[in-house]
Amino acid sequence: MHDKQLRIRYIRVLEKFFTRTVSLLKLENFDIKLFKDRTLKNFEDIKKVKAVDLNSKYFTDLVAFINKTLSYLENHSDNFENERNTLLKEANLLQKERNRNAYRKDKHKKSKFDDGY
């Protein structure tokens, strides 16, 4: 398989894991057992895909988020509330990082072409 295809597949699997994990964390009736089962099931998809080096800040933070989620699953407190809040905060920061490039301010608004109409 071509390198670009491997990279795209790896990125899609990482983002799929991220969105599924965040949706589970945001549930009103959060259940640690359900979260644990589904997260480990979603992690199996990541294991199936060959890991590729990703140099972007967003993707390195995404991999760090996934590793932190898995470490919290192994070593967590009794009610998982502190870990849940930490993961939700980091997920929010990750989403901000992903969207940061879409909202760029025009540096030189006045120098754009004006035809007088």
C-alpha atoms as a PDB file:
ATOM      1  CA  MET A   1       0.000   0.000   0.000  1.00  0.00           C
ATOM      2  CA  HIS A   2       1.202   3.505  -0.768  1.00  0.00           C
ATOM      3  CA  ASP A   3       2.601   5.668   2.073  1.00  0.00           C
ATOM      4  CA  LYS A   4      -0.037   8.345   1.602  1.00  0.00           C
ATOM      5  CA  GLN A   5      -2.834   5.789   1.887  1.00  0.00           C
ATOM      6  CA  LEU A   6      -1.308   4.374   5.068  1.00  0.00           C
ATOM      7  CA  ARG A   7      -1.042   7.855   6.533  1.00  0.00           C
ATOM      8  CA  ILE A   8      -4.641   8.732   5.707  1.00  0.00           C
ATOM      9  CA  ARG A   9      -5.928   5.442   7.098  1.00  0.00           C
ATOM     10  CA  TYR A  10      -3.961   5.939  10.323  1.00  0.00           C
ATOM     11  CA  ILE A  11      -5.252   9.505  10.710  1.00  0.00           C
ATOM     12  CA  ARG A  12      -8.845   8.393  10.152  1.00  0.00           C
ATOM     13  CA  VAL A  13      -8.571   5.655  12.751  1.00  0.00           C
ATOM     14  CA  LEU A  14      -7.070   8.062  15.294  1.00  0.00           C
ATOM     15  CA  GLU A  15      -9.785  10.652  14.725  1.00  0.00           C
ATOM     16  CA  LYS A  16     -12.498   8.000  14.865  1.00  0.00           C
ATOM     17  CA  PHE A  17     -11.167   6.834  18.242  1.00  0.00           C
ATOM     18  CA  PHE A  18     -11.063  10.447  19.422  1.00  0.00           C
ATOM     19  CA  THR A  19     -14.638  11.275  18.421  1.00  0.00           C
ATOM     20  CA  ARG A  20     -16.011   8.068  19.893  1.00  0.00           C
ATOM     21  CA  THR A  21     -14.151   8.596  23.162  1.00  0.00           C
ATOM     22  CA  VAL A  22     -15.302  12.198  23.489  1.00  0.00           C
ATOM     23  CA  SER A  23     -18.911  11.263  22.780  1.00  0.00           C
ATOM     24  CA  LEU A  24     -18.744   8.621  25.511  1.00  0.00           C
ATOM     25  CA  LEU A  25     -17.215  11.103  27.950  1.00  0.00           C
ATOM     26  CA  LYS A  26     -19.954  13.682  27.285  1.00  0.00           C
ATOM     27  CA  LEU A  27     -22.844  11.319  28.025  1.00  0.00           C
ATOM     28  CA  GLU A  28     -25.206  12.493  30.766  1.00  0.00           C
ATOM     29  CA  ASN A  29     -25.416   9.031  32.332  1.00  0.00           C
ATOM     30  CA  PHE A  30     -21.683   8.272  32.159  1.00  0.00           C
ATOM     31  CA  ASP A  31     -20.837   4.677  33.046  1.00  0.00           C
ATOM     32  CA  ILE A  32     -17.199   3.740  33.652  1.00  0.00           C
ATOM     33  CA  LYS A  33     -17.744   0.095  32.696  1.00  0.00           C
ATOM     34  CA  LEU A  34     -19.340   1.001  29.362  1.00  0.00           C
ATOM     35  CA  PHE A  35     -16.612   3.565  28.726  1.00  0.00           C
ATOM     36  CA  LYS A  36     -13.896   1.022  29.457  1.00  0.00           C
ATOM     37  CA  ASP A  37     -15.409  -1.669  27.240  1.00  0.00           C
ATOM     38  CA  ARG A  38     -16.033   0.586  24.250  1.00  0.00           C
ATOM     39  CA  THR A  39     -12.698   2.369  24.498  1.00  0.00           C
ATOM     40  CA  LEU A  40     -10.782  -0.892  24.524  1.00  0.00           C
ATOM     41  CA  LYS A  41     -12.888  -2.122  21.589  1.00  0.00           C
ATOM     42  CA  ASN A  42     -12.106   1.110  19.682  1.00  0.00           C
ATOM     43  CA  PHE A  43      -8.425   0.739  20.501  1.00  0.00           C
ATOM     44  CA  GLU A  44      -8.429  -2.619  18.700  1.00  0.00           C
ATOM     45  CA  ASP A  45      -9.005  -0.680  15.445  1.00  0.00           C
ATOM     46  CA  ILE A  46      -5.861   1.355  16.104  1.00  0.00           C
ATOM     47  CA  LYS A  47      -3.867  -1.828  16.681  1.00  0.00           C
ATOM     48  CA  LYS A  48      -4.911  -3.172  13.274  1.00  0.00           C
ATOM     49  CA  VAL A  49      -3.483  -0.180  11.394  1.00  0.00           C
ATOM     50  CA  LYS A  50       0.227   0.373  10.929  1.00  0.00           C
ATOM     51  CA  ALA A  51       1.469   3.411  12.894  1.00  0.00           C
ATOM     52  CA  VAL A  52       2.882   6.254  10.802  1.00  0.00           C
ATOM     53  CA  ASP A  53       4.996   9.211  11.946  1.00  0.00           C
ATOM     54  CA  LEU A  54       2.870  12.338  12.158  1.00  0.00           C
ATOM     55  CA  ASN A  55       4.705  15.613  12.653  1.00  0.00           C
ATOM     56  CA  SER A  56       1.814  18.035  13.069  1.00  0.00           C
ATOM     57  CA  LYS A  57       1.191  19.412  16.561  1.00  0.00           C
ATOM     58  CA  TYR A  58      -2.452  18.374  16.355  1.00  0.00           C
ATOM     59  CA  PHE A  59      -1.634  14.765  15.522  1.00  0.00           C
ATOM     60  CA  THR A  60       1.091  14.434  18.150  1.00  0.00           C
ATOM     61  CA  ASP A  61      -1.359  15.834  20.722  1.00  0.00           C
ATOM     62  CA  LEU A  62      -4.001  13.407  19.456  1.00  0.00           C
ATOM     63  CA  VAL A  63      -1.694  10.426  19.990  1.00  0.00           C
ATOM     64  CA  ALA A  64      -0.828  11.774  23.460  1.00  0.00           C
ATOM     65  CA  PHE A  65      -4.565  12.053  24.253  1.00  0.00           C
ATOM     66  CA  ILE A  66      -5.125   8.446  23.216  1.00  0.00           C
ATOM     67  CA  ASN A  67      -2.214   7.259  25.346  1.00  0.00           C
ATOM     68  CA  LYS A  68      -3.475   9.270  28.325  1.00  0.00           C
ATOM     69  CA  THR A  69      -6.962   7.810  27.905  1.00  0.00           C
ATOM     70  CA  LEU A  70      -5.586   4.289  27.939  1.00  0.00           C
ATOM     71  CA  SER A  71      -3.402   4.981  30.965  1.00  0.00           C
ATOM     72  CA  TYR A  72      -6.431   6.408  32.819  1.00  0.00           C
ATOM     73  CA  LEU A  73      -8.357   3.243  32.039  1.00  0.00           C
ATOM     74  CA  GLU A  74      -5.689   1.149  33.728  1.00  0.00           C
ATOM     75  CA  ASN A  75      -5.060   3.455  36.705  1.00  0.00           C
ATOM     76  CA  HIS A  76      -8.106   5.454  37.725  1.00  0.00           C
ATOM     77  CA  SER A  77      -9.759   6.663  40.890  1.00  0.00           C
ATOM     78  CA  ASP A  78     -12.940   5.197  42.342  1.00  0.00           C
ATOM     79  CA  ASN A  79     -15.453   7.417  40.571  1.00  0.00           C
ATOM     80  CA  PHE A  80     -13.329   8.425  37.513  1.00  0.00           C
ATOM     81  CA  GLU A  81     -14.643  12.006  37.781  1.00  0.00           C
ATOM     82  CA  ASN A  82     -11.240  13.753  37.905  1.00  0.00           C
ATOM     83  CA  GLU A  83      -9.964  11.724  34.974  1.00  0.00           C
ATOM     84  CA  ARG A  84     -13.131  12.409  33.000  1.00  0.00           C
ATOM     85  CA  ASN A  85     -12.820  16.161  33.532  1.00  0.00           C
ATOM     86  CA  THR A  86      -9.153  16.101  32.525  1.00  0.00           C
ATOM     87  CA  LEU A  87      -9.899  14.138  29.369  1.00  0.00           C
ATOM     88  CA  LEU A  88     -12.767  16.462  28.425  1.00  0.00           C
ATOM     89  CA  LYS A  89     -10.551  19.506  28.901  1.00  0.00           C
ATOM     90  CA  GLU A  90      -7.797  18.013  26.744  1.00  0.00           C
ATOM     91  CA  ALA A  91     -10.337  17.016  24.099  1.00  0.00           C
ATOM     92  CA  ASN A  92     -11.567  20.600  23.990  1.00  0.00           C
ATOM     93  CA  LEU A  93      -7.999  21.872  23.574  1.00  0.00           C
ATOM     94  CA  LEU A  94      -7.433  19.355  20.779  1.00  0.00           C
ATOM     95  CA  GLN A  95     -10.540  20.514  18.952  1.00  0.00           C
ATOM     96  CA  LYS A  96      -9.375  24.109  19.294  1.00  0.00           C
ATOM     97  CA  GLU A  97      -5.992  23.168  17.839  1.00  0.00           C
ATOM     98  CA  ARG A  98      -7.641  21.425  14.898  1.00  0.00           C
ATOM     99  CA  ASN A  99      -9.894  24.401  14.163  1.00  0.00           C
ATOM    100  CA  ARG A 100      -7.216  27.027  14.723  1.00  0.00           C
ATOM    101  CA  ASN A 101      -6.068  27.061  11.116  1.00  0.00           C
ATOM    102  CA  ALA A 102      -9.593  27.597   9.798  1.00  0.00           C
ATOM    103  CA  TYR A 103     -10.041  30.906  11.610  1.00  0.00           C
ATOM    104  CA  ARG A 104      -7.191  33.094  10.459  1.00  0.00           C
ATOM    105  CA  LYS A 105      -7.452  36.818  10.514  1.00  0.00           C
ATOM    106  CA  ASP A 106      -6.725  38.723   7.314  1.00  0.00           C
ATOM    107  CA  LYS A 107      -3.522  40.638   7.935  1.00  0.00           C
ATOM    108  CA  HIS A 108      -3.874  43.240   5.234  1.00  0.00           C
ATOM    109  CA  LYS A 109      -7.577  43.884   4.742  1.00  0.00           C
ATOM    110  CA  LYS A 110      -7.086  47.398   3.420  1.00  0.00           C
ATOM    111  CA  SER A 111      -4.604  46.434   0.748  1.00  0.00           C
ATOM    112  CA  LYS A 112      -7.109  44.194  -1.061  1.00  0.00           C
ATOM    113  CA  PHE A 113      -8.394  45.231  -4.447  1.00  0.00           C
ATOM    114  CA  ASP A 114     -11.158  47.848  -4.353  1.00  0.00           C
ATOM    115  CA  ASP A 115     -12.813  48.645  -7.659  1.00  0.00           C
ATOM    116  CA  GLY A 116     -14.877  51.566  -6.312  1.00  0.00           C
ATOM    117  CA  TYR A 117     -18.342  50.027  -6.262  1.00  0.00           C
END
